[in-house]
Protein backbone atom coordinates (compact mmCIF):
# COMPACT_ATOMS: atom_id res chain seq x y z
CA UNK A 1 -11.29 3.18 47.63
CA UNK A 2 -8.85 3.94 44.92
CA UNK A 3 -9.81 4.65 41.33
CA UNK A 4 -8.36 1.31 40.27
CA UNK A 5 -10.58 -0.57 42.73
CA UNK A 6 -13.66 1.35 41.58
CA UNK A 7 -12.89 0.59 37.95
CA UNK A 8 -12.52 -3.11 38.71
CA UNK A 9 -15.78 -3.06 40.66
CA UNK A 10 -17.65 -1.40 37.76
CA UNK A 11 -16.25 -3.88 35.23
CA UNK A 12 -17.20 -6.84 37.43
CA UNK A 13 -20.74 -5.50 37.93
CA UNK A 14 -21.22 -4.92 34.18
CA UNK A 15 -19.94 -8.42 33.44
CA UNK A 16 -22.27 -9.94 36.07
CA UNK A 17 -25.28 -8.05 34.71
CA UNK A 18 -24.49 -9.13 31.15
CA UNK A 19 -24.04 -12.75 32.22
CA UNK A 20 -27.38 -12.77 34.05
CA UNK A 21 -29.18 -11.20 31.08
CA UNK A 22 -27.75 -13.77 28.68
CA UNK A 23 -28.51 -16.74 30.95
CA UNK A 24 -32.02 -15.60 31.97
CA UNK A 25 -33.76 -16.82 28.76
CA UNK A 26 -35.65 -13.54 28.65
CA UNK A 27 -36.20 -11.57 25.50
CA UNK A 28 -33.59 -8.86 25.81
CA UNK A 29 -33.93 -6.07 23.29
CA UNK A 30 -31.46 -3.22 23.07
CA UNK A 31 -33.72 -1.44 20.57
CA UNK A 32 -35.37 0.63 23.28
CA UNK A 33 -39.02 0.95 24.19
CA UNK A 34 -41.44 -0.65 21.74
CA UNK A 35 -44.97 0.48 20.94
CA UNK A 36 -47.76 -1.03 18.95
CA UNK A 37 -48.09 -4.63 17.80
CA UNK A 38 -44.42 -5.50 18.38
CA UNK A 39 -44.60 -4.76 22.13
CA UNK A 40 -44.51 -7.82 24.39
CA UNK A 41 -47.51 -6.76 26.42
CA UNK A 42 -49.62 -6.66 23.26
CA UNK A 43 -49.23 -10.42 22.82
CA UNK A 44 -50.39 -10.95 26.40
CA UNK A 45 -53.38 -8.67 25.83
CA UNK A 46 -54.35 -10.60 22.69
CA UNK A 47 -54.16 -13.92 24.56
CA UNK A 48 -56.26 -12.50 27.39
CA UNK A 49 -58.83 -11.13 24.92
CA UNK A 50 -59.10 -14.50 23.15
CA UNK A 51 -59.50 -16.29 26.48
CA UNK A 52 -62.28 -13.88 27.47
CA UNK A 53 -64.19 -14.72 24.28
CA UNK A 54 -64.07 -18.42 25.13
CA UNK A 55 -65.18 -17.98 28.76
CA UNK A 56 -68.67 -19.23 29.55
CA UNK A 57 -71.35 -16.64 30.14
CA UNK A 58 -72.99 -16.23 33.52
CA UNK A 59 -76.55 -17.56 33.76
CA UNK A 60 -79.37 -15.10 33.31
CA UNK A 61 -80.87 -13.73 36.49
CA UNK A 62 -84.38 -14.81 37.33
CA UNK A 63 -86.99 -12.09 37.02
CA UNK A 64 -87.79 -10.31 40.26
CA UNK A 65 -91.01 -11.42 41.99
CA UNK A 66 -93.46 -8.77 43.13
């Protein structure tokens, strides 16, 4: 392949990746890796923790018979 063909291929691939990112409705952040409360997985962990609080408790086990 010539250099011109490779350049065209790279430009097309970058354009396709950008188009898919824009149309995917995902939260795309170019700020880099996030830590702490602003991280997306922290929201999921909070929702899971709240759901665990609302879950019904298991019934108590009957005492063992001797």
